[in-house]
Amino acid sequence: MTQITLPRPDDWHLHLRDGAMLRAVAPETARHFGRAIIMPNLVPPVVTGDQAAAYRDRIMSALPEGSGFTPLMTLYLTETTDPDDLAKAHADGIIHAVKLYPAGATTNSASGVRDFDKVRPLLERMAEIGCPLCVHGEVVDADVDIFDREAVFIDRVLDPLRRATPDLRVVMEHITTAQGADYAREGGDALGATITTHHLVINRNAILVGGIKPHYYCLPVAKREEHRLALRKAATSGDPSFFLGTDSAPHLDPLKENACGCAGCFTATNTLSILAEVFEQDGALDKLQAFASLNGPRFYGLPVSEQTVTLTKGDPVEYPKKIDTEDGPVTVFDPMMPLHWRVD
């Protein structure tokens, strides 16, 4: 197979930031994707419907004319979130989901949840109105190894939460472990899981072998090779539980390349070429459509795009190594392999 045509894909987990960064990176996603779930962890975070609407307007202003890209907004869940404001924003179509960050788990998560009992009434309200909860699935307990945070979160937090509120629709975002894939696969129609581009490509060796590689450092951190292979098996299976969420997370190079580098891989620019390469390597090009274009809309109750994109195989594609912003450069994720699939 040297050509494949898909319904225009969507990105179900995306960071666009704000200001100069937003203006630089939004066109990178809009070039190939039709919609994206937009993360609300700005500083300050997006916690009300009015703030989500204002952020959506800033995103629209940053898009190239005629791009047709639709940002799907979210609210940042806090222990003081107003349930009526949340419900109204969802009913008005301003937001499509709510994001749960355990406090301290990742970039700009300090305002996240510390006491899950305090948000249970909010979760019950979300279940009533059909608003999905997107979960950063890691515990932050000091006694838990960083490579075990996801598996422990499933046991200590996620499974009890879902048992207490069984009608709540939950997305396990950016799963990184075989345990995460197994739990999502067995979770029924009310549970889905996104998988990032970079976690299909790298394991923890990419970060640590031959010196610290800050542009491969992300949260949740990449795990052992056995987990990467489990994620590839899940993504390429066609199972409707799994869909693309790049977690493309741009940071300026000076903030990545310092003594306390920021977590995140910027993959918006070359994701579709990487995915086609990965799915071809695993003999599953026929399953790429489900992962990138069908399963996400199904979970969120949205129509599949009527537009299409075509990828053609040929000589290796050259992508820019960096994207320039008004504040400095952002490094594009390097998959460490030639990419033969070009988005036409």
Foldseek 3Di string as FASTA:
>chain_A
DFKDKFQQFEAAAEEQAADQSNLQCLQLQLQGHAEYEYAQLYVVGAQFLVSLQVVQVRNVVSYDPPSNHHYAYEHEDALPRDLVRVLVSVVVRSHQAYEADAAPQAPSRPRHYPDVVSCLVSQLSCLVSVRAYEYAQFDDDPVDDLQCGNVVSVVPPVVVSCVVRVSHQYEDEQDAFLSVLVCLLPNPLSYAYEHALLLLQDAQCVQPPPHGDLQQFAPSGHHDPVRSVSVLCSLLVLRLRYAHHHNQDWDAPVQSPDPDHHHHHHASNCRVLSVCVSCVVVVRNVSNNSHGFNSVCVSSVHDTHPHMKMKGFDFFDDDDQWTATPVHITGHDDSVDTRGIDTD
